Amino acid sequence: MSIKVQNTSSILQHFYKEDVEDRASKNWEFATIKDVSWLKRRDKKRKEAVLFLRDLDSIKTGLDYHHGAYILQHGETIEDFALAHEFAKKAVEKGDESAKWLFAATMDRYLLSIGKPQKYGTQFRTNRNGEPELETVDETTTDEERAKYNVPPLSEAVRRYKEKYGIK
């Protein structure tokens, strides 16, 4: 029996917006264990929806893959991060230019999850002083290569991160 999902794009868009809104709803740096558990449960449900739609072979457009990649990057496993990167790559291949940064971010998240330095410089951690800093970065990646994926030069990365999240 074959099941067709007529509104895959609107389903993925709904879950994507929900994911974005969940993360904007509070300062997660100071979240409680209860808050984090709540977010992880919601992330898991969104991930399951994306996997279900993938298994039905109903994800078709670049934007669909973009939304799926964004959701999957909030998974917890190496496999989640690898699949998020695969989705981001498909989004770019299908012409979604806005997925270029996500392509880089999912690659970085995947690399860090397997114990390797990130390539592009999209992933941060909080240091002992409570300041954001870049996770370990592969020094062989050039700023020109980062620019291809809408990633700022390393010299600007922390400043832009602070600006984006309103950190003084």
C-alpha atoms as a PDB file:
ATOM      1  CA  MET A   1       0.000   0.000   0.000  1.00  0.00           C
ATOM      2  CA  SER A   2       1.322   3.428  -0.924  1.00  0.00           C
ATOM      3  CA  ILE A   3       0.485   6.549   1.040  1.00  0.00           C
ATOM      4  CA  LYS A   4       0.757   9.975  -0.558  1.00  0.00           C
ATOM      5  CA  VAL A   5       1.059  13.108   1.527  1.00  0.00           C
ATOM      6  CA  GLN A   6      -0.456  16.041  -0.325  1.00  0.00           C
ATOM      7  CA  ASN A   7       0.805  18.860   1.878  1.00  0.00           C
ATOM      8  CA  THR A   8       4.350  17.833   2.819  1.00  0.00           C
ATOM      9  CA  SER A   9       5.640  21.377   2.299  1.00  0.00           C
ATOM     10  CA  SER A  10       3.109  22.910   4.686  1.00  0.00           C
ATOM     11  CA  ILE A  11       3.726  20.176   7.287  1.00  0.00           C
ATOM     12  CA  LEU A  12       7.483  20.732   7.161  1.00  0.00           C
ATOM     13  CA  GLN A  13       7.043  24.501   7.210  1.00  0.00           C
ATOM     14  CA  HIS A  14       4.830  24.186  10.298  1.00  0.00           C
ATOM     15  CA  PHE A  15       7.394  22.060  12.155  1.00  0.00           C
ATOM     16  CA  TYR A  16      10.244  24.327  11.030  1.00  0.00           C
ATOM     17  CA  LYS A  17       8.457  27.429  12.366  1.00  0.00           C
ATOM     18  CA  GLU A  18       7.639  25.598  15.572  1.00  0.00           C
ATOM     19  CA  ASP A  19      11.322  24.640  15.989  1.00  0.00           C
ATOM     20  CA  VAL A  20      12.454  28.230  15.435  1.00  0.00           C
ATOM     21  CA  GLU A  21       9.815  29.585  17.846  1.00  0.00           C
ATOM     22  CA  ASP A  22      10.736  27.045  20.541  1.00  0.00           C
ATOM     23  CA  ARG A  23      14.336  28.200  20.435  1.00  0.00           C
ATOM     24  CA  ALA A  24      13.400  31.892  20.428  1.00  0.00           C
ATOM     25  CA  SER A  25      11.005  31.472  23.360  1.00  0.00           C
ATOM     26  CA  LYS A  26      13.679  31.632  26.056  1.00  0.00           C
ATOM     27  CA  ASN A  27      17.357  32.038  26.798  1.00  0.00           C
ATOM     28  CA  TRP A  28      18.364  28.387  26.555  1.00  0.00           C
ATOM     29  CA  GLU A  29      21.794  29.095  28.040  1.00  0.00           C
ATOM     30  CA  PHE A  30      20.072  29.454  31.429  1.00  0.00           C
ATOM     31  CA  ALA A  31      17.335  26.864  30.912  1.00  0.00           C
ATOM     32  CA  THR A  32      16.330  24.393  33.588  1.00  0.00           C
ATOM     33  CA  ILE A  33      16.501  20.624  33.185  1.00  0.00           C
ATOM     34  CA  LYS A  34      12.696  20.641  32.856  1.00  0.00           C
ATOM     35  CA  ASP A  35      12.901  23.197  30.028  1.00  0.00           C
ATOM     36  CA  VAL A  36      15.565  21.216  28.177  1.00  0.00           C
ATOM     37  CA  SER A  37      13.560  17.990  28.585  1.00  0.00           C
ATOM     38  CA  TRP A  38      10.524  19.763  27.127  1.00  0.00           C
ATOM     39  CA  LEU A  39      12.538  20.974  24.129  1.00  0.00           C
ATOM     40  CA  LYS A  40      14.116  17.555  23.543  1.00  0.00           C
ATOM     41  CA  ARG A  41      10.683  15.877  23.538  1.00  0.00           C
ATOM     42  CA  ARG A  42       9.411  18.404  20.974  1.00  0.00           C
ATOM     43  CA  ASP A  43      12.583  18.028  18.872  1.00  0.00           C
ATOM     44  CA  LYS A  44      12.148  14.242  18.884  1.00  0.00           C
ATOM     45  CA  LYS A  45       8.539  14.500  17.666  1.00  0.00           C
ATOM     46  CA  ARG A  46       9.552  16.868  14.864  1.00  0.00           C
ATOM     47  CA  LYS A  47      12.419  14.574  13.880  1.00  0.00           C
ATOM     48  CA  GLU A  48      10.061  11.588  13.778  1.00  0.00           C
ATOM     49  CA  ALA A  49       7.713  13.538  11.495  1.00  0.00           C
ATOM     50  CA  VAL A  50      10.560  14.363   9.103  1.00  0.00           C
ATOM     51  CA  LEU A  51      11.697  10.735   9.045  1.00  0.00           C
ATOM     52  CA  PHE A  52       8.124   9.587   8.420  1.00  0.00           C
ATOM     53  CA  LEU A  53       7.782  11.965   5.464  1.00  0.00           C
ATOM     54  CA  ARG A  54      11.175  10.850   4.156  1.00  0.00           C
ATOM     55  CA  ASP A  55      10.163   7.200   4.408  1.00  0.00           C
ATOM     56  CA  LEU A  56       7.038   8.011   2.372  1.00  0.00           C
ATOM     57  CA  ASP A  57       9.318   9.619  -0.240  1.00  0.00           C
ATOM     58  CA  SER A  58       7.253  12.783  -0.071  1.00  0.00           C
ATOM     59  CA  ILE A  59      10.041  15.307   0.537  1.00  0.00           C
ATOM     60  CA  LYS A  60      10.686  16.810  -2.882  1.00  0.00           C
ATOM     61  CA  THR A  61      11.587  20.512  -2.977  1.00  0.00           C
ATOM     62  CA  GLY A  62      14.703  22.348  -1.908  1.00  0.00           C
ATOM     63  CA  LEU A  63      12.748  24.212   0.738  1.00  0.00           C
ATOM     64  CA  ASP A  64      11.302  20.932   2.068  1.00  0.00           C
ATOM     65  CA  TYR A  65      14.827  19.550   2.432  1.00  0.00           C
ATOM     66  CA  HIS A  66      15.943  22.828   4.037  1.00  0.00           C
ATOM     67  CA  HIS A  67      13.183  22.635   6.643  1.00  0.00           C
ATOM     68  CA  GLY A  68      13.925  18.966   7.262  1.00  0.00           C
ATOM     69  CA  ALA A  69      17.643  19.633   7.681  1.00  0.00           C
ATOM     70  CA  TYR A  70      16.986  22.399  10.177  1.00  0.00           C
ATOM     71  CA  ILE A  71      14.822  20.083  12.267  1.00  0.00           C
ATOM     72  CA  LEU A  72      17.221  17.134  12.021  1.00  0.00           C
ATOM     73  CA  GLN A  73      20.227  19.203  13.096  1.00  0.00           C
ATOM     74  CA  HIS A  74      18.555  19.481  16.502  1.00  0.00           C
ATOM     75  CA  GLY A  75      18.735  15.717  16.911  1.00  0.00           C
ATOM     76  CA  GLU A  76      21.073  14.027  19.347  1.00  0.00           C
ATOM     77  CA  THR A  77      22.983  11.394  17.403  1.00  0.00           C
ATOM     78  CA  ILE A  78      25.748  11.246  14.850  1.00  0.00           C
ATOM     79  CA  GLU A  79      23.213   9.752  12.443  1.00  0.00           C
ATOM     80  CA  ASP A  80      20.848  12.707  12.991  1.00  0.00           C
ATOM     81  CA  PHE A  81      23.624  15.169  12.155  1.00  0.00           C
ATOM     82  CA  ALA A  82      24.740  13.175   9.106  1.00  0.00           C
ATOM     83  CA  LEU A  83      21.178  13.047   7.795  1.00  0.00           C
ATOM     84  CA  ALA A  84      20.701  16.762   8.488  1.00  0.00           C
ATOM     85  CA  HIS A  85      23.773  17.431   6.366  1.00  0.00           C
ATOM     86  CA  GLU A  86      22.487  15.152   3.601  1.00  0.00           C
ATOM     87  CA  PHE A  87      19.190  17.066   3.602  1.00  0.00           C
ATOM     88  CA  ALA A  88      20.965  20.449   3.560  1.00  0.00           C
ATOM     89  CA  LYS A  89      23.092  19.279   0.640  1.00  0.00           C
ATOM     90  CA  LYS A  90      19.955  18.224  -1.278  1.00  0.00           C
ATOM     91  CA  ALA A  91      18.342  21.585  -0.516  1.00  0.00           C
ATOM     92  CA  VAL A  92      21.309  23.412  -2.053  1.00  0.00           C
ATOM     93  CA  GLU A  93      21.419  21.019  -5.023  1.00  0.00           C
ATOM     94  CA  LYS A  94      17.729  21.710  -5.642  1.00  0.00           C
ATOM     95  CA  GLY A  95      18.446  25.446  -5.795  1.00  0.00           C
ATOM     96  CA  ASP A  96      17.671  26.643  -2.275  1.00  0.00           C
ATOM     97  CA  GLU A  97      20.422  29.255  -1.897  1.00  0.00           C
ATOM     98  CA  SER A  98      19.277  30.047   1.644  1.00  0.00           C
ATOM     99  CA  ALA A  99      20.330  26.518   2.691  1.00  0.00           C
ATOM    100  CA  LYS A 100      24.023  27.197   2.074  1.00  0.00           C
ATOM    101  CA  TRP A 101      24.721  28.303   5.656  1.00  0.00           C
ATOM    102  CA  LEU A 102      22.769  25.290   6.917  1.00  0.00           C
ATOM    103  CA  PHE A 103      24.927  23.051   4.705  1.00  0.00           C
ATOM    104  CA  ALA A 104      28.006  24.393   6.493  1.00  0.00           C
ATOM    105  CA  ALA A 105      26.424  24.261   9.960  1.00  0.00           C
ATOM    106  CA  THR A 106      25.250  20.669   9.595  1.00  0.00           C
ATOM    107  CA  MET A 107      28.690  19.621   8.370  1.00  0.00           C
ATOM    108  CA  ASP A 108      30.292  21.340  11.361  1.00  0.00           C
ATOM    109  CA  ARG A 109      27.859  19.767  13.815  1.00  0.00           C
ATOM    110  CA  TYR A 110      28.475  16.341  12.296  1.00  0.00           C
ATOM    111  CA  LEU A 111      32.267  16.720  12.386  1.00  0.00           C
ATOM    112  CA  LEU A 112      32.231  17.814  16.032  1.00  0.00           C
ATOM    113  CA  SER A 113      29.966  14.875  16.905  1.00  0.00           C
ATOM    114  CA  ILE A 114      32.590  12.427  15.605  1.00  0.00           C
ATOM    115  CA  GLY A 115      35.414  14.184  17.453  1.00  0.00           C
ATOM    116  CA  LYS A 116      36.862  16.166  14.553  1.00  0.00           C
ATOM    117  CA  PRO A 117      37.303  19.943  14.239  1.00  0.00           C
ATOM    118  CA  GLN A 118      34.553  21.836  12.478  1.00  0.00           C
ATOM    119  CA  LYS A 119      35.306  23.010   8.950  1.00  0.00           C
ATOM    120  CA  TYR A 120      33.427  26.283   8.597  1.00  0.00           C
ATOM    121  CA  GLY A 121      33.205  27.807  12.067  1.00  0.00           C
ATOM    122  CA  THR A 122      29.448  27.801  12.710  1.00  0.00           C
ATOM    123  CA  GLN A 123      29.421  26.047  16.096  1.00  0.00           C
ATOM    124  CA  PHE A 124      30.113  27.753  19.411  1.00  0.00           C
ATOM    125  CA  ARG A 125      30.491  26.871  23.067  1.00  0.00           C
ATOM    126  CA  THR A 126      30.506  28.912  26.235  1.00  0.00           C
ATOM    127  CA  ASN A 127      33.916  29.208  27.869  1.00  0.00           C
ATOM    128  CA  ARG A 128      34.681  29.275  31.617  1.00  0.00           C
ATOM    129  CA  ASN A 129      34.088  33.024  31.699  1.00  0.00           C
ATOM    130  CA  GLY A 130      30.609  32.620  30.239  1.00  0.00           C
ATOM    131  CA  GLU A 131      31.682  34.040  26.870  1.00  0.00           C
ATOM    132  CA  PRO A 132      30.911  32.401  23.539  1.00  0.00           C
ATOM    133  CA  GLU A 133      33.841  31.033  21.598  1.00  0.00           C
ATOM    134  CA  LEU A 134      34.221  28.914  18.509  1.00  0.00           C
ATOM    135  CA  GLU A 135      34.467  25.174  18.874  1.00  0.00           C
ATOM    136  CA  THR A 136      37.733  23.809  17.442  1.00  0.00           C
ATOM    137  CA  VAL A 137      38.088  24.769  13.768  1.00  0.00           C
ATOM    138  CA  ASP A 138      40.027  23.089  10.952  1.00  0.00           C
ATOM    139  CA  GLU A 139      42.661  25.703  10.119  1.00  0.00           C
ATOM    140  CA  THR A 140      42.930  24.588   6.485  1.00  0.00           C
ATOM    141  CA  THR A 141      39.497  25.943   5.533  1.00  0.00           C
ATOM    142  CA  THR A 142      39.798  29.416   4.041  1.00  0.00           C
ATOM    143  CA  ASP A 143      37.532  32.394   4.570  1.00  0.00           C
ATOM    144  CA  GLU A 144      36.874  32.315   0.812  1.00  0.00           C
ATOM    145  CA  GLU A 145      35.486  28.787   1.173  1.00  0.00           C
ATOM    146  CA  ARG A 146      33.388  29.910   4.149  1.00  0.00           C
ATOM    147  CA  ALA A 147      31.994  32.786   2.078  1.00  0.00           C
ATOM    148  CA  LYS A 148      30.677  30.289  -0.511  1.00  0.00           C
ATOM    149  CA  TYR A 149      28.347  29.043   2.229  1.00  0.00           C
ATOM    150  CA  ASN A 150      27.446  32.436   3.693  1.00  0.00           C
ATOM    151  CA  VAL A 151      29.648  31.874   6.736  1.00  0.00           C
ATOM    152  CA  PRO A 152      31.564  34.905   8.009  1.00  0.00           C
ATOM    153  CA  PRO A 153      35.364  34.957   8.299  1.00  0.00           C
ATOM    154  CA  LEU A 154      36.611  33.474  11.559  1.00  0.00           C
ATOM    155  CA  SER A 155      37.797  36.934  12.600  1.00  0.00           C
ATOM    156  CA  GLU A 156      34.142  38.087  12.637  1.00  0.00           C
ATOM    157  CA  ALA A 157      32.415  34.892  13.791  1.00  0.00           C
ATOM    158  CA  VAL A 158      32.228  35.552  17.537  1.00  0.00           C
ATOM    159  CA  ARG A 159      31.189  39.192  17.073  1.00  0.00           C
ATOM    160  CA  ARG A 160      28.380  38.195  14.715  1.00  0.00           C
ATOM    161  CA  TYR A 161      27.276  35.398  17.047  1.00  0.00           C
ATOM    162  CA  LYS A 162      27.071  37.840  19.965  1.00  0.00           C
ATOM    163  CA  GLU A 163      25.185  40.330  17.800  1.00  0.00           C
ATOM    164  CA  LYS A 164      22.723  37.693  16.609  1.00  0.00           C
ATOM    165  CA  TYR A 165      21.923  36.549  20.152  1.00  0.00           C
ATOM    166  CA  GLY A 166      22.121  39.965  21.845  1.00  0.00           C
ATOM    167  CA  ILE A 167      25.192  39.111  23.937  1.00  0.00           C
ATOM    168  CA  LYS A 168      27.244  42.045  25.222  1.00  0.00           C
END
